Amino acid sequence: MLNALVSWPTAPLTDSLVRAAIKTHRAPRVWSTYDDIDHERTHFDRATVLASSYTFRKALIRKHYLSHGIQAYLKKRPDSILSCACPSTFEVEISFADELDEMWSDELWELGDKLDAGSSWWILKPGMADRGMGIRIFHTKEELQQIFESFEDSDSENGEAENDGQGDPCETTDKEKPMEKLIGRKFHFRAYCVAAGALQLYLYNRVLALFSSVPYETLSINTSGELLDLRAHLTNTSLQAEHGESNVRLLTELKSCHILSGEGDNIFTLSNIEKLLSQMSEVLSETFKATIQNPVHFQPLPNAFELFGVDFLVSHDHASATCPFQVKILEINAEPAIELTGPRLTWILEDLFISIAEVCVRPFFQPSDGTEPSWKVGRGYYGVHSG
């Protein structure tokens, strides 16, 4: 009898971590890339088969679905932490660049108004793209027009049969004033969370800080988007791959760093770190509550679990004495590119996958005998915290 299917053909590190984590667990389960899972069997054999991915989870992993879900949730629950934990986002659904002219007076009126004010920069991210593909920065209508025209020119030159994102929704996210200058470079946080069954949510307590590869430079309204060095403003590890693990740090390693985005000689403290982790846990909990309202695009099965890589920005309000930092959820990634973490921190990935096996795999096949720790919201065991 087949005890396990482990298949990660393009992710050898993930494959080895999975095999090491489940070597003591012998039961019918599938821990593999999404495309290799027999989703029909997962659906019909719920009592005996455990799969490492939900079948339907677009509401989480597609940027425009996630934004829609959060906005719909906030209309019903305006007091949710998500009201201050999401960057301003607009969806641009477009097939050809010349469609923008009409959209400025209709669905993109609000974005156009902000661009006309000339006081903010925006990040454009193709909704169906992965690993930083197609990301651009702009701050005028003309620059956005030029970006879409360049996409069209690229498709024509390459003679592609597919449109490589053209016609798919893109998101523009306000590039706010983040706490972006620790050691002089911009960064964002990468947190790993595990969703189990229908539904428990766990946050891994070792959060990463992913840095850009060159020092941050302040943008002004006179800066040309075409001349920008994106490496200074984008922190996606796939875009910084040539610099390897030097751009990856643990959040706890930032303790005692000087905070350059505020006034005075402030230090990043352990208390700051604990508050950020608490915020991440609450934001993730609310985000999953929001997306589960859309059963068409997110269906958590009782016999499935999934690891997600969640990206957070953090804003710094140095005038606030009680809570100067606010995390903002940027996106949720399925099958996160953990191999880009680098050899120095491989040990945390080993611990993460062993924790997943203990929290998600073993309890499914070995029901609790009463000796297991009682999981309460906010408590942590095996390196993960329940949310």
Protein backbone atom coordinates (compact mmCIF):
# COMPACT_ATOMS: atom_id res chain seq x y z
CA MET A 1 0.00 0.00 0.00
CA LEU A 2 1.24 3.49 -0.81
CA ASN A 3 2.04 5.21 2.45
CA ALA A 4 3.06 8.59 1.12
CA LEU A 5 3.49 10.56 -2.07
CA VAL A 6 6.28 13.11 -1.83
CA SER A 7 6.86 15.03 -5.04
CA TRP A 8 8.68 18.35 -5.42
CA PRO A 9 10.39 18.05 -8.83
CA THR A 10 11.50 21.68 -8.98
CA ALA A 11 12.18 22.20 -5.26
CA PRO A 12 14.81 19.74 -4.04
CA LEU A 13 15.24 21.44 -0.67
CA THR A 14 11.51 21.22 0.04
CA ASP A 15 11.56 17.57 -1.04
CA SER A 16 14.36 16.71 1.39
CA LEU A 17 12.74 18.65 4.25
CA VAL A 18 9.43 16.87 3.75
CA ARG A 19 11.05 13.43 3.66
CA ALA A 20 12.98 14.16 6.84
CA ALA A 21 9.88 15.47 8.63
CA ILE A 22 7.67 12.45 7.91
CA LYS A 23 10.16 9.60 8.10
CA THR A 24 8.60 8.40 11.37
CA HIS A 25 4.98 8.82 10.21
CA ARG A 26 3.61 5.93 8.16
CA ALA A 27 0.10 6.65 6.92
CA PRO A 28 -1.60 7.45 3.59
CA ARG A 29 -0.81 11.08 2.92
CA VAL A 30 0.24 13.33 0.07
CA TRP A 31 2.85 16.01 0.75
CA SER A 32 3.73 17.34 -2.65
CA THR A 33 3.45 20.19 -5.06
CA TYR A 34 -0.14 21.20 -5.84
CA ASP A 35 -0.10 19.83 -9.39
CA ASP A 36 0.90 16.32 -8.29
CA ILE A 37 -1.93 15.91 -5.78
CA ASP A 38 -4.93 13.75 -6.66
CA HIS A 39 -7.48 16.33 -5.56
CA GLU A 40 -10.41 14.08 -6.39
CA ARG A 41 -9.13 11.38 -4.06
CA THR A 42 -8.52 14.01 -1.37
CA HIS A 43 -12.14 15.08 -1.70
CA PHE A 44 -13.72 11.62 -1.54
CA ASP A 45 -11.34 9.85 0.90
CA ARG A 46 -11.51 12.42 3.66
CA ALA A 47 -11.24 9.91 6.49
CA THR A 48 -8.03 8.24 5.32
CA VAL A 49 -6.09 10.57 3.00
CA LEU A 50 -4.29 13.71 4.14
CA ALA A 51 -3.11 16.19 1.48
CA SER A 52 -0.63 19.05 1.76
CA SER A 53 -2.72 21.58 -0.14
CA TYR A 54 -6.26 22.78 -0.31
CA THR A 55 -7.86 22.32 -3.71
CA PHE A 56 -9.54 25.73 -3.85
CA ARG A 57 -7.61 28.65 -2.31
CA LYS A 58 -7.50 31.41 -4.90
CA ALA A 59 -9.10 33.76 -2.39
CA LEU A 60 -5.82 33.61 -0.47
CA ILE A 61 -3.05 33.36 -3.05
CA ARG A 62 -4.27 35.58 -5.89
CA LYS A 63 -3.68 39.22 -5.07
CA HIS A 64 -6.88 40.59 -6.56
CA TYR A 65 -9.04 37.90 -4.91
CA LEU A 66 -7.39 38.61 -1.55
CA SER A 67 -7.97 42.34 -1.88
CA HIS A 68 -11.63 41.81 -2.84
CA GLY A 69 -12.17 39.47 0.09
CA ILE A 70 -10.65 41.84 2.62
CA GLN A 71 -12.62 44.83 1.35
CA ALA A 72 -15.89 42.87 1.48
CA TYR A 73 -15.08 41.74 5.01
CA LEU A 74 -14.32 45.29 6.14
CA LYS A 75 -17.73 46.48 4.95
CA LYS A 76 -19.28 44.13 7.52
CA ARG A 77 -16.60 44.54 10.19
CA PRO A 78 -15.10 48.03 9.87
CA ASP A 79 -13.46 47.75 13.30
CA SER A 80 -11.28 44.82 12.22
CA ILE A 81 -7.52 45.27 12.46
CA LEU A 82 -7.50 44.80 8.67
CA SER A 83 -8.78 48.36 8.33
CA CYS A 84 -5.27 49.58 9.19
CA ALA A 85 -3.34 46.47 8.11
CA CYS A 86 -3.78 46.59 4.34
CA PRO A 87 -2.01 49.01 1.99
CA SER A 88 -4.21 51.01 -0.37
CA THR A 89 -4.81 48.76 -3.36
CA PHE A 90 -6.50 49.15 -6.73
CA GLU A 91 -7.25 46.50 -9.32
CA VAL A 92 -6.37 47.28 -12.93
CA GLU A 93 -7.98 44.71 -15.22
CA ILE A 94 -6.71 45.47 -18.67
CA SER A 95 -5.94 43.79 -21.99
CA PHE A 96 -4.41 46.68 -23.93
CA ALA A 97 -2.64 49.82 -22.78
CA ASP A 98 -4.96 52.19 -24.64
CA GLU A 99 -7.87 51.05 -22.44
CA LEU A 100 -6.47 53.16 -19.60
CA ASP A 101 -7.80 56.41 -21.07
CA GLU A 102 -11.44 55.46 -20.42
CA MET A 103 -10.68 53.77 -17.09
CA TRP A 104 -9.38 57.00 -15.51
CA SER A 105 -12.89 58.45 -15.61
CA ASP A 106 -14.55 55.26 -14.39
CA GLU A 107 -13.22 52.41 -12.23
CA LEU A 108 -9.77 53.96 -11.80
CA TRP A 109 -10.99 57.43 -10.95
CA GLU A 110 -9.78 57.29 -7.34
CA LEU A 111 -6.34 56.01 -8.33
CA GLY A 112 -6.11 58.69 -11.01
CA ASP A 113 -6.97 61.35 -8.44
CA LYS A 114 -4.15 60.16 -6.18
CA LEU A 115 -1.70 60.11 -9.08
CA ASP A 116 -2.71 63.61 -10.12
CA ALA A 117 -1.91 64.78 -6.58
CA GLY A 118 1.66 63.63 -7.26
CA SER A 119 2.49 62.80 -3.66
CA SER A 120 2.75 59.01 -3.68
CA TRP A 121 4.50 56.15 -5.44
CA TRP A 122 2.83 52.89 -6.37
CA ILE A 123 3.91 49.31 -7.01
CA LEU A 124 2.32 47.43 -9.90
CA LYS A 125 2.15 43.64 -9.48
CA PRO A 126 0.57 41.34 -12.10
CA GLY A 127 -2.11 39.35 -10.32
CA MET A 128 -1.12 35.95 -11.76
CA ALA A 129 2.64 36.40 -11.65
CA ASP A 130 5.00 34.70 -9.21
CA ARG A 131 8.48 35.41 -7.88
CA GLY A 132 8.54 39.11 -8.64
CA MET A 133 7.84 38.83 -12.36
CA GLY A 134 6.46 42.01 -13.93
CA ILE A 135 6.77 44.22 -10.85
CA ARG A 136 7.10 47.92 -11.65
CA ILE A 137 7.06 51.24 -9.75
CA PHE A 138 5.30 54.38 -10.98
CA HIS A 139 3.89 57.67 -9.73
CA THR A 140 2.10 59.21 -12.76
CA LYS A 141 -0.59 58.15 -15.21
CA GLU A 142 1.90 58.47 -18.03
CA GLU A 143 4.34 56.07 -16.37
CA LEU A 144 1.61 53.47 -15.86
CA GLN A 145 0.66 53.84 -19.53
CA GLN A 146 4.27 53.31 -20.55
CA ILE A 147 4.53 50.20 -18.37
CA PHE A 148 1.57 48.53 -20.06
CA GLU A 149 2.87 49.55 -23.47
CA SER A 150 6.22 47.95 -22.64
CA PHE A 151 4.40 44.74 -21.71
CA GLU A 152 2.72 44.74 -25.13
CA ASP A 153 6.03 45.40 -26.91
CA SER A 154 7.70 42.58 -25.02
CA ASP A 155 4.97 40.12 -25.98
CA SER A 156 5.24 41.15 -29.64
CA GLU A 157 9.02 40.78 -29.73
CA ASN A 158 8.96 37.37 -28.08
CA GLY A 159 6.13 36.10 -30.27
CA GLU A 160 4.47 34.46 -27.29
CA ALA A 161 1.27 32.52 -27.77
CA GLU A 162 0.32 33.32 -24.17
CA ASN A 163 -0.29 36.85 -23.03
CA ASP A 164 1.91 36.49 -19.91
CA GLY A 165 -0.43 38.40 -17.65
CA GLN A 166 -2.02 40.77 -20.14
CA GLY A 167 -5.76 40.66 -19.56
CA ASP A 168 -5.26 39.34 -16.03
CA PRO A 169 -5.89 41.71 -13.13
CA CYS A 170 -2.94 43.68 -11.83
CA GLU A 171 -2.80 45.40 -8.49
CA THR A 172 -1.37 48.77 -7.64
CA THR A 173 -0.34 49.08 -4.02
CA ASP A 174 0.52 52.36 -2.34
CA LYS A 175 4.21 52.47 -1.52
CA GLU A 176 3.79 53.99 1.93
CA LYS A 177 6.45 55.17 4.32
CA PRO A 178 7.64 51.87 5.78
CA MET A 179 10.20 51.32 8.48
CA GLU A 180 12.52 50.59 5.63
CA LYS A 181 15.99 51.70 6.56
CA LEU A 182 17.37 49.28 9.12
CA ILE A 183 21.02 48.97 8.06
CA GLY A 184 20.18 51.44 5.32
CA ARG A 185 18.13 49.12 3.12
CA LYS A 186 14.46 48.49 2.59
CA PHE A 187 13.00 45.22 3.83
CA HIS A 188 9.78 43.33 4.38
CA PHE A 189 8.86 40.47 6.67
CA ARG A 190 8.26 36.92 5.50
CA ALA A 191 6.20 34.87 7.94
CA TYR A 192 5.32 31.21 7.50
CA CYS A 193 1.87 30.10 8.51
CA VAL A 194 0.20 26.72 8.32
CA ALA A 195 -3.53 26.26 7.80
CA ALA A 196 -4.81 22.89 9.00
CA GLY A 197 -8.16 21.24 8.43
CA ALA A 198 -11.29 23.35 8.36
CA LEU A 199 -9.80 25.46 9.94
CA GLN A 200 -6.96 25.99 12.40
CA LEU A 201 -4.23 28.50 11.72
CA TYR A 202 -0.68 28.48 13.05
CA LEU A 203 2.05 31.10 12.76
CA TYR A 204 5.68 29.94 12.83
CA ASN A 205 7.50 32.06 15.36
CA ARG A 206 10.72 32.51 13.37
CA VAL A 207 9.95 35.38 11.01
CA LEU A 208 12.39 36.48 8.32
CA ALA A 209 13.38 39.99 7.30
CA LEU A 210 14.13 40.11 3.55
CA PHE A 211 16.29 43.05 2.50
CA SER A 212 16.87 44.79 -0.79
CA SER A 213 20.36 44.36 -2.18
CA VAL A 214 21.26 48.05 -2.45
CA PRO A 215 20.71 51.00 -0.07
CA TYR A 216 17.35 52.71 -0.06
CA GLU A 217 16.98 56.02 -1.88
CA THR A 218 14.13 58.39 -1.14
CA LEU A 219 11.80 58.92 -4.08
CA SER A 220 10.64 62.37 -5.12
CA ILE A 221 8.06 63.59 -7.59
CA ASN A 222 10.92 64.51 -9.94
CA THR A 223 12.27 60.96 -10.07
CA SER A 224 11.69 59.17 -13.35
CA GLY A 225 10.17 55.72 -13.01
CA GLU A 226 12.14 54.59 -16.05
CA LEU A 227 15.47 55.39 -14.37
CA LEU A 228 14.72 53.70 -11.04
CA ASP A 229 16.99 50.97 -9.77
CA LEU A 230 14.30 48.54 -8.65
CA ARG A 231 16.77 46.69 -6.45
CA ALA A 232 16.63 49.54 -3.94
CA HIS A 233 12.85 49.50 -3.68
CA LEU A 234 11.78 45.87 -4.13
CA THR A 235 12.63 43.19 -1.58
CA ASN A 236 11.39 40.07 -3.34
CA THR A 237 14.07 37.40 -2.81
CA SER A 238 13.67 36.18 -6.39
CA LEU A 239 14.81 39.59 -7.61
CA GLN A 240 17.82 39.58 -5.27
CA ALA A 241 18.93 36.00 -5.94
CA GLU A 242 22.43 36.93 -7.12
CA HIS A 243 23.22 38.22 -3.63
CA GLY A 244 22.14 34.99 -1.94
CA GLU A 245 21.49 34.69 1.75
CA SER A 246 23.22 37.97 2.66
CA ASN A 247 19.86 39.72 2.30
CA VAL A 248 17.99 37.36 4.65
CA ARG A 249 17.90 37.84 8.41
CA LEU A 250 15.77 36.58 11.26
CA LEU A 251 13.47 39.20 12.75
CA THR A 252 15.11 38.58 16.11
CA GLU A 253 18.51 39.44 14.59
CA LEU A 254 17.29 43.01 14.13
CA LYS A 255 17.13 43.52 17.89
CA SER A 256 19.24 46.53 18.94
CA CYS A 257 19.46 47.91 15.40
CA HIS A 258 19.09 51.65 15.02
CA ILE A 259 15.77 52.78 13.53
CA LEU A 260 16.66 55.22 10.79
CA SER A 261 13.09 56.01 9.70
CA GLY A 262 12.28 57.88 12.91
CA GLU A 263 13.64 60.83 14.81
CA GLY A 264 16.39 60.54 17.38
CA ASP A 265 18.55 57.55 18.17
CA ASN A 266 15.86 54.90 18.65
CA ILE A 267 16.63 51.21 19.00
CA PHE A 268 14.56 48.26 17.75
CA THR A 269 13.71 46.30 20.91
CA LEU A 270 12.54 42.83 21.88
CA SER A 271 9.26 44.42 22.93
CA ASN A 272 8.85 45.80 19.40
CA ILE A 273 9.43 42.33 18.00
CA GLU A 274 6.86 40.73 20.30
CA LYS A 275 4.25 43.34 19.38
CA LEU A 276 4.90 42.80 15.67
CA LEU A 277 4.46 39.04 16.06
CA SER A 278 1.21 39.61 17.94
CA GLN A 279 -0.02 41.90 15.16
CA MET A 280 0.92 39.36 12.49
CA SER A 281 -1.03 36.67 14.30
CA GLU A 282 -4.13 38.87 14.59
CA VAL A 283 -3.90 40.10 10.99
CA LEU A 284 -3.55 36.54 9.67
CA SER A 285 -6.52 35.37 11.72
CA GLU A 286 -8.69 38.15 10.37
CA THR A 287 -7.45 37.61 6.81
CA PHE A 288 -8.44 33.96 6.86
CA LYS A 289 -11.80 34.88 8.37
CA ALA A 290 -12.27 37.27 5.46
CA THR A 291 -11.33 34.80 2.73
CA ILE A 292 -13.38 31.94 4.16
CA GLN A 293 -16.46 34.07 3.43
CA ASN A 294 -15.90 33.22 -0.25
CA PRO A 295 -16.54 29.45 -0.44
CA VAL A 296 -16.17 29.41 -4.21
CA HIS A 297 -12.51 30.36 -4.05
CA PHE A 298 -11.49 29.01 -0.64
CA GLN A 299 -12.66 25.66 0.62
CA PRO A 300 -10.70 24.38 3.65
CA LEU A 301 -11.01 20.58 3.79
CA PRO A 302 -10.72 18.67 7.09
CA ASN A 303 -8.13 16.32 5.56
CA ALA A 304 -5.79 18.93 4.16
CA PHE A 305 -3.18 21.37 5.40
CA GLU A 306 -0.99 23.91 3.65
CA LEU A 307 2.10 25.98 4.25
CA PHE A 308 1.93 29.61 3.13
CA GLY A 309 4.57 32.31 2.98
CA VAL A 310 3.02 35.62 4.04
CA ASP A 311 4.64 38.95 3.22
CA PHE A 312 4.18 41.92 5.53
CA LEU A 313 5.21 45.54 5.23
CA VAL A 314 5.63 47.57 8.40
CA SER A 315 4.88 51.25 8.85
CA HIS A 316 6.59 53.38 11.47
CA ASP A 317 4.76 56.14 13.32
CA HIS A 318 7.46 57.55 15.56
CA ALA A 319 4.90 59.85 17.22
CA SER A 320 3.11 56.87 18.78
CA ALA A 321 4.57 55.88 22.12
CA THR A 322 2.46 52.74 22.64
CA CYS A 323 2.50 51.14 19.18
CA PRO A 324 4.92 52.83 16.78
CA PHE A 325 4.90 49.95 14.29
CA GLN A 326 1.99 48.60 12.24
CA VAL A 327 2.25 45.55 10.00
CA LYS A 328 0.39 45.54 6.70
CA ILE A 329 -0.31 42.30 4.86
CA LEU A 330 0.99 42.42 1.31
CA GLU A 331 0.33 38.95 -0.10
CA ILE A 332 0.04 35.25 0.67
CA ASN A 333 2.16 32.80 -1.32
CA ALA A 334 1.47 29.12 -1.88
CA GLU A 335 4.51 26.84 -2.16
CA PRO A 336 6.85 29.61 -0.97
CA ALA A 337 10.35 29.63 -2.45
CA ILE A 338 12.07 28.51 0.74
CA GLU A 339 15.26 27.57 -1.09
CA LEU A 340 16.03 31.30 -1.40
CA THR A 341 16.40 31.52 2.37
CA GLY A 342 19.97 30.26 1.97
CA PRO A 343 22.13 27.67 3.77
CA ARG A 344 22.74 29.80 6.88
CA LEU A 345 19.08 29.56 7.94
CA THR A 346 18.23 26.13 6.60
CA TRP A 347 17.95 24.98 10.21
CA ILE A 348 14.79 27.03 10.74
CA LEU A 349 13.21 25.38 7.69
CA GLU A 350 14.07 21.94 9.08
CA ASP A 351 12.41 22.94 12.34
CA LEU A 352 9.41 24.36 10.47
CA PHE A 353 8.72 21.15 8.55
CA ILE A 354 9.16 18.97 11.62
CA SER A 355 6.67 21.26 13.39
CA ILE A 356 4.19 20.87 10.54
CA ALA A 357 4.48 17.09 10.78
CA GLU A 358 3.81 17.23 14.53
CA VAL A 359 0.93 19.70 14.33
CA CYS A 360 -0.80 18.67 11.08
CA VAL A 361 0.22 15.14 10.10
CA ARG A 362 0.51 13.12 13.30
CA PRO A 363 -2.78 14.28 14.93
CA PHE A 364 -4.73 13.33 11.79
CA PHE A 365 -3.68 9.69 12.02
CA GLN A 366 -3.11 9.49 15.77
CA PRO A 367 -6.00 11.17 17.62
CA SER A 368 -5.08 12.78 20.91
CA ASP A 369 -5.06 10.55 23.98
CA GLY A 370 -5.35 13.51 26.30
CA THR A 371 -1.63 13.89 26.90
CA GLU A 372 -1.12 16.46 24.13
CA PRO A 373 -0.87 20.16 25.03
CA SER A 374 -4.16 22.04 24.91
CA TRP A 375 -4.07 24.40 21.94
CA LYS A 376 -5.48 27.77 22.82
CA VAL A 377 -5.44 30.88 20.66
CA GLY A 378 -2.15 32.67 21.14
CA ARG A 379 -0.36 29.67 22.68
CA GLY A 380 2.66 28.09 21.07
CA TYR A 381 3.99 24.54 20.81
CA TYR A 382 6.44 22.86 18.41
CA GLY A 383 7.62 26.30 17.25
CA VAL A 384 4.21 27.44 15.97
CA HIS A 385 1.54 29.63 17.55
CA SER A 386 -2.18 29.14 17.14
CA GLY A 387 -4.09 32.09 15.78
